[in-house]
């Protein structure tokens, strides 16, 4: 039996929306600019199939993919009643021309953040969530992952996806982290954005391997953002969170970032300083946990430190 949200038979899942296109580097910036422009002019046809083709200079399927990824990566939000889109707080924080932390997605911290968004989203990116949170083996292949997802769909009341749909979703998942065979260097850079993280390695033409362990390029600011989101979703009423939950629970930073227990504990021991007092580490009589010191923690508050650190390193 699965732990976490996918154990709920009524959970919403999705295995499509990307039209088989992995995220491309400039798409989020383009979606941000288009939606921001339409907000100012009160237009509501940002991703209209005809207008979008002209605006983004791509085919209708790619327009749909841009919209899909911009929502998955939380750059834009949809108004359920009007069907219009608006720039999110996160989108503004990252992409604003004057104050944005990383307007052109040049920072590895942005890529880590994007990975967190997609691999923790069980409702809209179910394959990504399942692969990072429920595949316990170090290696996997496309067929075995597709088969596992098929079994998952049979257990869930609201999951109705054909094998062909699952195969396309798995292919998009793999290509998000591993360059397509025969692709050139430029194609790699455009399409395999999440591949920069080194989370999945191709070990043969059919087999892939998760890279588990410490992640030196994962800044504490991104880790703390993920920890607070996980806490709010998994145990919002608890004032403490155990090391085991942070490392092993589905949707946790340990699972999503493929951090082993030692790597997580190394970060938690210093969490008081890293979080500027928002959290405290405790290790008493063999019971290790993190305690909240404030009830008003906003995950977004942790992000600037990650980008400031990179700017300081570049200046040095």
C-alpha atoms as a PDB file:
ATOM      1  CA  UNK A   1       0.000   0.000   0.000  1.00  0.00           C
ATOM      2  CA  UNK A   2       1.250   3.467  -0.913  1.00  0.00           C
ATOM      3  CA  UNK A   3       1.764   6.131   1.715  1.00  0.00           C
ATOM      4  CA  UNK A   4       0.887   9.752   1.146  1.00  0.00           C
ATOM      5  CA  UNK A   5      -1.709  11.389  -1.114  1.00  0.00           C
ATOM      6  CA  UNK A   6      -1.716   8.652  -3.760  1.00  0.00           C
ATOM      7  CA  UNK A   7      -3.107   6.285  -1.148  1.00  0.00           C
ATOM      8  CA  UNK A   8      -6.433   8.143  -1.363  1.00  0.00           C
ATOM      9  CA  UNK A   9      -8.637   6.370  -3.960  1.00  0.00           C
ATOM     10  CA  UNK A  10     -10.386   9.672  -4.744  1.00  0.00           C
ATOM     11  CA  UNK A  11      -7.225  11.688  -5.362  1.00  0.00           C
ATOM     12  CA  UNK A  12      -7.054  13.709  -8.580  1.00  0.00           C
ATOM     13  CA  UNK A  13      -4.297  12.703 -10.991  1.00  0.00           C
ATOM     14  CA  UNK A  14      -3.091  13.855 -14.388  1.00  0.00           C
ATOM     15  CA  UNK A  15      -0.901  12.229 -17.004  1.00  0.00           C
ATOM     16  CA  UNK A  16      -1.151  14.768 -19.823  1.00  0.00           C
ATOM     17  CA  UNK A  17      -1.238  18.488 -20.626  1.00  0.00           C
ATOM     18  CA  UNK A  18       2.340  18.916 -21.845  1.00  0.00           C
ATOM     19  CA  UNK A  19       1.531  17.629 -25.352  1.00  0.00           C
ATOM     20  CA  UNK A  20       4.735  15.498 -25.012  1.00  0.00           C
ATOM     21  CA  UNK A  21       6.942  18.630 -24.860  1.00  0.00           C
ATOM     22  CA  UNK A  22       9.295  18.922 -21.868  1.00  0.00           C
ATOM     23  CA  UNK A  23       9.853  22.415 -20.513  1.00  0.00           C
ATOM     24  CA  UNK A  24      12.033  24.640 -22.670  1.00  0.00           C
ATOM     25  CA  UNK A  25      14.166  27.310 -21.041  1.00  0.00           C
ATOM     26  CA  UNK A  26      12.486  30.443 -22.419  1.00  0.00           C
ATOM     27  CA  UNK A  27       8.883  29.303 -22.052  1.00  0.00           C
ATOM     28  CA  UNK A  28       8.290  30.452 -18.490  1.00  0.00           C
ATOM     29  CA  UNK A  29       9.667  33.907 -19.192  1.00  0.00           C
ATOM     30  CA  UNK A  30       7.474  34.172 -22.299  1.00  0.00           C
ATOM     31  CA  UNK A  31       4.358  33.072 -20.386  1.00  0.00           C
ATOM     32  CA  UNK A  32       5.113  35.540 -17.605  1.00  0.00           C
ATOM     33  CA  UNK A  33       5.519  38.431 -20.040  1.00  0.00           C
ATOM     34  CA  UNK A  34       2.381  37.529 -22.015  1.00  0.00           C
ATOM     35  CA  UNK A  35       0.137  37.202 -18.969  1.00  0.00           C
ATOM     36  CA  UNK A  36       1.537  40.346 -17.356  1.00  0.00           C
ATOM     37  CA  UNK A  37       0.891  42.275 -20.578  1.00  0.00           C
ATOM     38  CA  UNK A  38      -2.668  40.979 -20.800  1.00  0.00           C
ATOM     39  CA  UNK A  39      -3.313  41.861 -17.158  1.00  0.00           C
ATOM     40  CA  UNK A  40      -2.390  45.469 -17.919  1.00  0.00           C
ATOM     41  CA  UNK A  41      -4.594  45.617 -21.010  1.00  0.00           C
ATOM     42  CA  UNK A  42      -7.481  43.565 -19.559  1.00  0.00           C
ATOM     43  CA  UNK A  43      -7.235  40.984 -22.354  1.00  0.00           C
ATOM     44  CA  UNK A  44      -8.115  37.374 -21.616  1.00  0.00           C
ATOM     45  CA  UNK A  45      -6.890  35.490 -24.673  1.00  0.00           C
ATOM     46  CA  UNK A  46      -3.275  34.833 -23.691  1.00  0.00           C
ATOM     47  CA  UNK A  47      -3.347  31.165 -24.681  1.00  0.00           C
ATOM     48  CA  UNK A  48      -6.162  31.257 -27.226  1.00  0.00           C
ATOM     49  CA  UNK A  49      -5.295  28.679 -29.870  1.00  0.00           C
ATOM     50  CA  UNK A  50      -5.256  31.241 -32.712  1.00  0.00           C
ATOM     51  CA  UNK A  51      -3.892  34.278 -30.876  1.00  0.00           C
ATOM     52  CA  UNK A  52      -1.357  32.164 -28.977  1.00  0.00           C
ATOM     53  CA  UNK A  53       0.137  30.741 -32.189  1.00  0.00           C
ATOM     54  CA  UNK A  54       0.924  34.262 -33.382  1.00  0.00           C
ATOM     55  CA  UNK A  55       2.014  35.570 -30.001  1.00  0.00           C
ATOM     56  CA  UNK A  56       4.407  32.770 -29.080  1.00  0.00           C
ATOM     57  CA  UNK A  57       5.436  31.886 -32.620  1.00  0.00           C
ATOM     58  CA  UNK A  58       4.796  28.167 -32.145  1.00  0.00           C
ATOM     59  CA  UNK A  59       2.120  25.609 -33.032  1.00  0.00           C
ATOM     60  CA  UNK A  60      -1.084  25.167 -31.032  1.00  0.00           C
ATOM     61  CA  UNK A  61       0.194  22.083 -29.214  1.00  0.00           C
ATOM     62  CA  UNK A  62       3.256  23.967 -28.041  1.00  0.00           C
ATOM     63  CA  UNK A  63       1.062  26.876 -26.894  1.00  0.00           C
ATOM     64  CA  UNK A  64      -0.838  24.383 -24.740  1.00  0.00           C
ATOM     65  CA  UNK A  65       2.466  23.042 -23.406  1.00  0.00           C
ATOM     66  CA  UNK A  66       3.671  26.547 -22.478  1.00  0.00           C
ATOM     67  CA  UNK A  67       0.447  27.145 -20.545  1.00  0.00           C
ATOM     68  CA  UNK A  68       0.714  23.751 -18.861  1.00  0.00           C
ATOM     69  CA  UNK A  69       4.264  24.252 -17.632  1.00  0.00           C
ATOM     70  CA  UNK A  70       3.679  27.859 -16.602  1.00  0.00           C
ATOM     71  CA  UNK A  71       0.914  26.608 -14.305  1.00  0.00           C
ATOM     72  CA  UNK A  72       2.822  23.565 -13.022  1.00  0.00           C
ATOM     73  CA  UNK A  73       5.791  25.775 -12.212  1.00  0.00           C
ATOM     74  CA  UNK A  74       3.499  28.333 -10.559  1.00  0.00           C
ATOM     75  CA  UNK A  75       4.474  31.297 -12.711  1.00  0.00           C
ATOM     76  CA  UNK A  76       0.826  32.000 -13.525  1.00  0.00           C
ATOM     77  CA  UNK A  77      -2.529  31.238 -11.922  1.00  0.00           C
ATOM     78  CA  UNK A  78      -5.928  30.691 -13.518  1.00  0.00           C
ATOM     79  CA  UNK A  79      -9.054  32.422 -12.325  1.00  0.00           C
ATOM     80  CA  UNK A  80     -11.536  29.562 -12.184  1.00  0.00           C
ATOM     81  CA  UNK A  81     -14.582  31.753 -12.783  1.00  0.00           C
ATOM     82  CA  UNK A  82     -13.390  33.947 -15.660  1.00  0.00           C
ATOM     83  CA  UNK A  83     -10.870  31.546 -17.189  1.00  0.00           C
ATOM     84  CA  UNK A  84      -8.288  34.333 -17.348  1.00  0.00           C
ATOM     85  CA  UNK A  85      -4.732  34.141 -16.069  1.00  0.00           C
ATOM     86  CA  UNK A  86      -2.708  36.295 -13.708  1.00  0.00           C
ATOM     87  CA  UNK A  87       0.932  36.383 -12.705  1.00  0.00           C
ATOM     88  CA  UNK A  88       1.510  34.620  -9.384  1.00  0.00           C
ATOM     89  CA  UNK A  89       3.502  35.975  -6.440  1.00  0.00           C
ATOM     90  CA  UNK A  90       6.205  33.476  -7.309  1.00  0.00           C
ATOM     91  CA  UNK A  91       6.200  34.555 -10.956  1.00  0.00           C
ATOM     92  CA  UNK A  92       6.637  38.173  -9.932  1.00  0.00           C
ATOM     93  CA  UNK A  93       9.374  37.301  -7.441  1.00  0.00           C
ATOM     94  CA  UNK A  94      11.425  35.417 -10.032  1.00  0.00           C
ATOM     95  CA  UNK A  95      10.735  37.161 -13.338  1.00  0.00           C
ATOM     96  CA  UNK A  96      10.094  40.851 -12.631  1.00  0.00           C
ATOM     97  CA  UNK A  97      12.388  42.920 -14.866  1.00  0.00           C
ATOM     98  CA  UNK A  98      13.590  45.217 -12.095  1.00  0.00           C
ATOM     99  CA  UNK A  99      13.335  43.220  -8.871  1.00  0.00           C
ATOM    100  CA  UNK A 100      13.190  39.603 -10.080  1.00  0.00           C
ATOM    101  CA  UNK A 101      15.540  37.101  -8.481  1.00  0.00           C
ATOM    102  CA  UNK A 102      16.311  35.394 -11.796  1.00  0.00           C
ATOM    103  CA  UNK A 103      14.426  36.949 -14.752  1.00  0.00           C
ATOM    104  CA  UNK A 104      16.201  34.852 -17.379  1.00  0.00           C
ATOM    105  CA  UNK A 105      16.536  31.551 -15.501  1.00  0.00           C
ATOM    106  CA  UNK A 106      20.303  31.662 -15.245  1.00  0.00           C
ATOM    107  CA  UNK A 107      20.508  30.352 -11.677  1.00  0.00           C
ATOM    108  CA  UNK A 108      20.684  26.703 -10.645  1.00  0.00           C
ATOM    109  CA  UNK A 109      18.459  27.631  -7.695  1.00  0.00           C
ATOM    110  CA  UNK A 110      15.622  28.358 -10.116  1.00  0.00           C
ATOM    111  CA  UNK A 111      16.040  24.890 -11.642  1.00  0.00           C
ATOM    112  CA  UNK A 112      15.947  23.246  -8.192  1.00  0.00           C
ATOM    113  CA  UNK A 113      12.796  25.194  -7.417  1.00  0.00           C
ATOM    114  CA  UNK A 114      11.159  24.076 -10.659  1.00  0.00           C
ATOM    115  CA  UNK A 115      12.023  20.478  -9.861  1.00  0.00           C
ATOM    116  CA  UNK A 116      10.418  20.823  -6.438  1.00  0.00           C
ATOM    117  CA  UNK A 117       7.229  22.177  -7.997  1.00  0.00           C
ATOM    118  CA  UNK A 118       6.780  19.390 -10.524  1.00  0.00           C
ATOM    119  CA  UNK A 119       7.967  16.437  -8.396  1.00  0.00           C
ATOM    120  CA  UNK A 120       5.786  17.436  -5.435  1.00  0.00           C
ATOM    121  CA  UNK A 121       2.622  18.007  -7.516  1.00  0.00           C
ATOM    122  CA  UNK A 122       0.718  14.715  -7.316  1.00  0.00           C
ATOM    123  CA  UNK A 123      -2.453  16.133  -8.895  1.00  0.00           C
ATOM    124  CA  UNK A 124      -1.057  17.744 -12.042  1.00  0.00           C
ATOM    125  CA  UNK A 125       2.243  15.900 -12.572  1.00  0.00           C
ATOM    126  CA  UNK A 126       1.453  12.467 -11.203  1.00  0.00           C
ATOM    127  CA  UNK A 127       4.204  10.626 -13.058  1.00  0.00           C
ATOM    128  CA  UNK A 128       6.859  12.993 -11.692  1.00  0.00           C
ATOM    129  CA  UNK A 129       5.487  12.666  -8.160  1.00  0.00           C
ATOM    130  CA  UNK A 130       5.232   8.879  -8.360  1.00  0.00           C
ATOM    131  CA  UNK A 131       8.717   8.417  -9.793  1.00  0.00           C
ATOM    132  CA  UNK A 132      10.517  10.528  -7.215  1.00  0.00           C
ATOM    133  CA  UNK A 133       8.407   9.590  -4.206  1.00  0.00           C
ATOM    134  CA  UNK A 134       7.393   5.959  -4.746  1.00  0.00           C
ATOM    135  CA  UNK A 135      10.043   4.268  -6.869  1.00  0.00           C
ATOM    136  CA  UNK A 136      12.306   2.767  -4.234  1.00  0.00           C
ATOM    137  CA  UNK A 137      14.705   1.042  -6.605  1.00  0.00           C
ATOM    138  CA  UNK A 138      17.805   2.942  -7.689  1.00  0.00           C
ATOM    139  CA  UNK A 139      17.231   2.090 -11.348  1.00  0.00           C
ATOM    140  CA  UNK A 140      14.142   2.003 -13.554  1.00  0.00           C
ATOM    141  CA  UNK A 141      13.133   1.791 -17.191  1.00  0.00           C
ATOM    142  CA  UNK A 142      10.285   3.278 -19.183  1.00  0.00           C
ATOM    143  CA  UNK A 143       8.287   0.047 -19.408  1.00  0.00           C
ATOM    144  CA  UNK A 144       8.407  -0.765 -15.700  1.00  0.00           C
ATOM    145  CA  UNK A 145       7.433   2.802 -14.764  1.00  0.00           C
ATOM    146  CA  UNK A 146       4.534   2.734 -17.246  1.00  0.00           C
ATOM    147  CA  UNK A 147       3.373  -0.594 -15.837  1.00  0.00           C
ATOM    148  CA  UNK A 148       3.521   0.723 -12.257  1.00  0.00           C
ATOM    149  CA  UNK A 149       1.493   3.783 -13.209  1.00  0.00           C
ATOM    150  CA  UNK A 150      -1.064   1.542 -14.910  1.00  0.00           C
ATOM    151  CA  UNK A 151      -1.500  -0.431 -11.689  1.00  0.00           C
ATOM    152  CA  UNK A 152      -1.832   2.853  -9.795  1.00  0.00           C
ATOM    153  CA  UNK A 153      -4.610   3.998 -12.135  1.00  0.00           C
ATOM    154  CA  UNK A 154      -6.518   0.777 -11.545  1.00  0.00           C
ATOM    155  CA  UNK A 155      -6.521   1.450  -7.795  1.00  0.00           C
ATOM    156  CA  UNK A 156      -7.621   5.063  -8.071  1.00  0.00           C
ATOM    157  CA  UNK A 157     -11.267   5.909  -8.660  1.00  0.00           C
ATOM    158  CA  UNK A 158     -10.630   9.060 -10.723  1.00  0.00           C
ATOM    159  CA  UNK A 159      -7.637   7.926 -12.778  1.00  0.00           C
ATOM    160  CA  UNK A 160      -8.645   6.969 -16.292  1.00  0.00           C
ATOM    161  CA  UNK A 161      -5.577   6.885 -18.527  1.00  0.00           C
ATOM    162  CA  UNK A 162      -4.734   4.508 -21.359  1.00  0.00           C
ATOM    163  CA  UNK A 163      -1.404   2.750 -21.662  1.00  0.00           C
ATOM    164  CA  UNK A 164      -0.595   4.956 -24.648  1.00  0.00           C
ATOM    165  CA  UNK A 165      -1.192   8.089 -22.564  1.00  0.00           C
ATOM    166  CA  UNK A 166       0.986   6.772 -19.759  1.00  0.00           C
ATOM    167  CA  UNK A 167       3.783   5.892 -22.180  1.00  0.00           C
ATOM    168  CA  UNK A 168       3.766   9.449 -23.564  1.00  0.00           C
ATOM    169  CA  UNK A 169       3.824  10.890 -20.064  1.00  0.00           C
ATOM    170  CA  UNK A 170       6.715   8.654 -19.021  1.00  0.00           C
ATOM    171  CA  UNK A 171       8.646   9.647 -22.146  1.00  0.00           C
ATOM    172  CA  UNK A 172       8.139  13.335 -21.345  1.00  0.00           C
ATOM    173  CA  UNK A 173       9.227  12.693 -17.759  1.00  0.00           C
ATOM    174  CA  UNK A 174      12.444  10.979 -18.855  1.00  0.00           C
ATOM    175  CA  UNK A 175      13.266  13.654 -21.431  1.00  0.00           C
ATOM    176  CA  UNK A 176      12.800  16.343 -18.778  1.00  0.00           C
ATOM    177  CA  UNK A 177      15.894  15.029 -16.988  1.00  0.00           C
ATOM    178  CA  UNK A 178      17.854  13.095 -19.623  1.00  0.00           C
ATOM    179  CA  UNK A 179      18.776  14.391 -23.068  1.00  0.00           C
ATOM    180  CA  UNK A 180      17.099  12.638 -25.962  1.00  0.00           C
ATOM    181  CA  UNK A 181      19.383  10.170 -27.732  1.00  0.00           C
ATOM    182  CA  UNK A 182      21.070  11.823 -30.703  1.00  0.00           C
ATOM    183  CA  UNK A 183      20.222  15.369 -29.600  1.00  0.00           C
ATOM    184  CA  UNK A 184      22.855  18.046 -30.105  1.00  0.00           C
ATOM    185  CA  UNK A 185      24.268  20.343 -27.440  1.00  0.00           C
ATOM    186  CA  UNK A 186      21.875  23.177 -28.316  1.00  0.00           C
ATOM    187  CA  UNK A 187      18.865  20.830 -28.246  1.00  0.00           C
ATOM    188  CA  UNK A 188      20.008  19.549 -24.850  1.00  0.00           C
ATOM    189  CA  UNK A 189      20.147  23.062 -23.432  1.00  0.00           C
ATOM    190  CA  UNK A 190      16.740  24.003 -24.811  1.00  0.00           C
ATOM    191  CA  UNK A 191      14.817  20.899 -23.810  1.00  0.00           C
ATOM    192  CA  UNK A 192      16.517  19.204 -20.869  1.00  0.00           C
ATOM    193  CA  UNK A 193      16.271  22.070 -18.375  1.00  0.00           C
ATOM    194  CA  UNK A 194      15.941  19.855 -15.300  1.00  0.00           C
ATOM    195  CA  UNK A 195      18.835  17.718 -16.501  1.00  0.00           C
ATOM    196  CA  UNK A 196      21.227  20.318 -15.058  1.00  0.00           C
ATOM    197  CA  UNK A 197      20.452  18.935 -11.608  1.00  0.00           C
ATOM    198  CA  UNK A 198      21.920  15.513 -12.332  1.00  0.00           C
ATOM    199  CA  UNK A 199      19.075  13.719 -10.555  1.00  0.00           C
ATOM    200  CA  UNK A 200      18.672  10.991 -13.189  1.00  0.00           C
ATOM    201  CA  UNK A 201      21.455   9.375 -15.187  1.00  0.00           C
ATOM    202  CA  UNK A 202      21.057   7.218 -18.281  1.00  0.00           C
ATOM    203  CA  UNK A 203      22.916   3.954 -17.659  1.00  0.00           C
ATOM    204  CA  UNK A 204      21.873   2.230 -20.892  1.00  0.00           C
ATOM    205  CA  UNK A 205      19.557   2.857 -23.822  1.00  0.00           C
ATOM    206  CA  UNK A 206      16.645   1.583 -21.709  1.00  0.00           C
ATOM    207  CA  UNK A 207      17.714   1.998 -18.104  1.00  0.00           C
ATOM    208  CA  UNK A 208      17.992   5.042 -15.855  1.00  0.00           C
ATOM    209  CA  UNK A 209      19.378   5.634 -12.389  1.00  0.00           C
ATOM    210  CA  UNK A 210      18.409   8.080  -9.648  1.00  0.00           C
ATOM    211  CA  UNK A 211      21.386   9.881  -8.095  1.00  0.00           C
ATOM    212  CA  UNK A 212      20.799   9.891  -4.353  1.00  0.00           C
ATOM    213  CA  UNK A 213      22.949  11.737  -1.824  1.00  0.00           C
ATOM    214  CA  UNK A 214      24.120  15.237  -0.918  1.00  0.00           C
ATOM    215  CA  UNK A 215      23.298  17.952  -3.440  1.00  0.00           C
ATOM    216  CA  UNK A 216      25.958  20.685  -3.170  1.00  0.00           C
ATOM    217  CA  UNK A 217      24.170  23.054  -5.568  1.00  0.00           C
ATOM    218  CA  UNK A 218      20.888  22.851  -3.621  1.00  0.00           C
ATOM    219  CA  UNK A 219      20.952  26.010  -1.512  1.00  0.00           C
ATOM    220  CA  UNK A 220      19.484  25.987   1.981  1.00  0.00           C
ATOM    221  CA  UNK A 221      16.995  28.638   0.863  1.00  0.00           C
ATOM    222  CA  UNK A 222      15.434  26.205  -1.623  1.00  0.00           C
ATOM    223  CA  UNK A 223      15.567  23.359   0.899  1.00  0.00           C
ATOM    224  CA  UNK A 224      13.794  25.505   3.530  1.00  0.00           C
ATOM    225  CA  UNK A 225      11.147  26.577   1.013  1.00  0.00           C
ATOM    226  CA  UNK A 226      10.461  22.913   0.253  1.00  0.00           C
ATOM    227  CA  UNK A 227      10.487  21.943   3.931  1.00  0.00           C
ATOM    228  CA  UNK A 228       7.888  24.563   4.840  1.00  0.00           C
ATOM    229  CA  UNK A 229       5.619  23.611   1.930  1.00  0.00           C
ATOM    230  CA  UNK A 230       5.871  19.949   2.868  1.00  0.00           C
ATOM    231  CA  UNK A 231       5.136  20.790   6.502  1.00  0.00           C
ATOM    232  CA  UNK A 232       2.069  22.839   5.579  1.00  0.00           C
ATOM    233  CA  UNK A 233       0.730  20.052   3.351  1.00  0.00           C
ATOM    234  CA  UNK A 234       1.656  16.994   5.433  1.00  0.00           C
ATOM    235  CA  UNK A 235       1.222  18.090   9.061  1.00  0.00           C
ATOM    236  CA  UNK A 236       0.047  21.716   9.278  1.00  0.00           C
ATOM    237  CA  UNK A 237      -1.088  21.393  12.907  1.00  0.00           C
ATOM    238  CA  UNK A 238       2.148  19.866  14.194  1.00  0.00           C
ATOM    239  CA  UNK A 239       4.732  22.086  15.869  1.00  0.00           C
ATOM    240  CA  UNK A 240       7.507  19.533  15.255  1.00  0.00           C
ATOM    241  CA  UNK A 241       8.522  17.334  12.358  1.00  0.00           C
ATOM    242  CA  UNK A 242      10.667  14.217  12.666  1.00  0.00           C
ATOM    243  CA  UNK A 243      13.779  13.514  10.656  1.00  0.00           C
ATOM    244  CA  UNK A 244      12.110  10.356   9.352  1.00  0.00           C
ATOM    245  CA  UNK A 245       9.203  12.356   7.909  1.00  0.00           C
ATOM    246  CA  UNK A 246      11.501  14.910   6.271  1.00  0.00           C
ATOM    247  CA  UNK A 247      13.610  12.163   4.687  1.00  0.00           C
ATOM    248  CA  UNK A 248      11.159   9.389   3.814  1.00  0.00           C
ATOM    249  CA  UNK A 249       7.546  10.577   3.569  1.00  0.00           C
ATOM    250  CA  UNK A 250       6.156  10.973   0.017  1.00  0.00           C
ATOM    251  CA  UNK A 251       6.353  14.625  -0.958  1.00  0.00           C
ATOM    252  CA  UNK A 252       9.170  15.350   1.501  1.00  0.00           C
ATOM    253  CA  UNK A 253      12.389  17.208   0.637  1.00  0.00           C
ATOM    254  CA  UNK A 254      14.345  13.992   1.168  1.00  0.00           C
ATOM    255  CA  UNK A 255      12.294  12.110  -1.397  1.00  0.00           C
ATOM    256  CA  UNK A 256      11.876  14.864  -3.967  1.00  0.00           C
ATOM    257  CA  UNK A 257      15.509  16.017  -3.907  1.00  0.00           C
ATOM    258  CA  UNK A 258      16.856  12.452  -3.555  1.00  0.00           C
ATOM    259  CA  UNK A 259      18.739  13.325  -0.383  1.00  0.00           C
ATOM    260  CA  UNK A 260      19.870  10.525   1.898  1.00  0.00           C
ATOM    261  CA  UNK A 261      19.362  10.733   5.658  1.00  0.00           C
ATOM    262  CA  UNK A 262      22.887  11.927   6.349  1.00  0.00           C
ATOM    263  CA  UNK A 263      22.552  14.793   3.850  1.00  0.00           C
ATOM    264  CA  UNK A 264      19.233  15.892   5.351  1.00  0.00           C
ATOM    265  CA  UNK A 265      20.514  15.775   8.927  1.00  0.00           C
ATOM    266  CA  UNK A 266      23.554  17.845   7.948  1.00  0.00           C
ATOM    267  CA  UNK A 267      21.165  20.590   6.851  1.00  0.00           C
ATOM    268  CA  UNK A 268      18.817  20.271   9.810  1.00  0.00           C
ATOM    269  CA  UNK A 269      21.607  20.581  12.382  1.00  0.00           C
ATOM    270  CA  UNK A 270      22.269  24.091  11.071  1.00  0.00           C
ATOM    271  CA  UNK A 271      18.631  25.014  10.464  1.00  0.00           C
ATOM    272  CA  UNK A 272      18.432  27.598  13.244  1.00  0.00           C
ATOM    273  CA  UNK A 273      21.022  29.763  11.506  1.00  0.00           C
ATOM    274  CA  UNK A 274      19.899  28.983   7.955  1.00  0.00           C
ATOM    275  CA  UNK A 275      16.261  29.888   8.729  1.00  0.00           C
ATOM    276  CA  UNK A 276      17.180  32.927  10.857  1.00  0.00           C
ATOM    277  CA  UNK A 277      15.445  31.416  13.858  1.00  0.00           C
ATOM    278  CA  UNK A 278      12.253  30.228  12.148  1.00  0.00           C
ATOM    279  CA  UNK A 279      13.084  26.609  13.058  1.00  0.00           C
ATOM    280  CA  UNK A 280      15.112  24.859  15.730  1.00  0.00           C
ATOM    281  CA  UNK A 281      16.913  21.499  15.660  1.00  0.00           C
ATOM    282  CA  UNK A 282      16.527  19.038  18.530  1.00  0.00           C
ATOM    283  CA  UNK A 283      18.314  15.755  19.228  1.00  0.00           C
ATOM    284  CA  UNK A 284      17.309  14.483  22.667  1.00  0.00           C
ATOM    285  CA  UNK A 285      17.558  10.872  23.813  1.00  0.00           C
ATOM    286  CA  UNK A 286      17.785   9.732  20.205  1.00  0.00           C
ATOM    287  CA  UNK A 287      14.640  11.632  19.130  1.00  0.00           C
ATOM    288  CA  UNK A 288      15.589  13.971  16.302  1.00  0.00           C
ATOM    289  CA  UNK A 289      13.194  16.592  15.013  1.00  0.00           C
ATOM    290  CA  UNK A 290      12.717  20.159  13.869  1.00  0.00           C
ATOM    291  CA  UNK A 291      10.487  22.561  15.785  1.00  0.00           C
ATOM    292  CA  UNK A 292       8.687  25.609  14.452  1.00  0.00           C
ATOM    293  CA  UNK A 293       9.409  28.783  16.379  1.00  0.00           C
ATOM    294  CA  UNK A 294       6.943  30.913  14.430  1.00  0.00           C
ATOM    295  CA  UNK A 295       3.460  30.310  13.090  1.00  0.00           C
ATOM    296  CA  UNK A 296       3.680  32.871  10.282  1.00  0.00           C
ATOM    297  CA  UNK A 297       6.417  31.295   8.155  1.00  0.00           C
ATOM    298  CA  UNK A 298       6.046  32.159   4.457  1.00  0.00           C
ATOM    299  CA  UNK A 299       8.034  29.778   2.199  1.00  0.00           C
ATOM    300  CA  UNK A 300       8.754  32.595  -0.266  1.00  0.00           C
ATOM    301  CA  UNK A 301      10.741  34.425   2.400  1.00  0.00           C
ATOM    302  CA  UNK A 302      13.481  31.786   2.163  1.00  0.00           C
ATOM    303  CA  UNK A 303      14.098  32.170  -1.579  1.00  0.00           C
ATOM    304  CA  UNK A 304      16.067  35.455  -1.825  1.00  0.00           C
ATOM    305  CA  UNK A 305      18.924  34.022   0.254  1.00  0.00           C
ATOM    306  CA  UNK A 306      19.548  31.318  -2.359  1.00  0.00           C
ATOM    307  CA  UNK A 307      19.940  33.839  -5.154  1.00  0.00           C
ATOM    308  CA  UNK A 308      21.849  36.367  -3.053  1.00  0.00           C
ATOM    309  CA  UNK A 309      24.395  33.650  -2.242  1.00  0.00           C
ATOM    310  CA  UNK A 310      24.999  32.946  -5.933  1.00  0.00           C
ATOM    311  CA  UNK A 311      25.371  36.666  -6.678  1.00  0.00           C
ATOM    312  CA  UNK A 312      27.942  36.994  -3.876  1.00  0.00           C
ATOM    313  CA  UNK A 313      29.927  34.014  -5.181  1.00  0.00           C
ATOM    314  CA  UNK A 314      29.987  35.468  -8.697  1.00  0.00           C
ATOM    315  CA  UNK A 315      31.138  38.850  -7.381  1.00  0.00           C
ATOM    316  CA  UNK A 316      33.947  37.189  -5.431  1.00  0.00           C
END
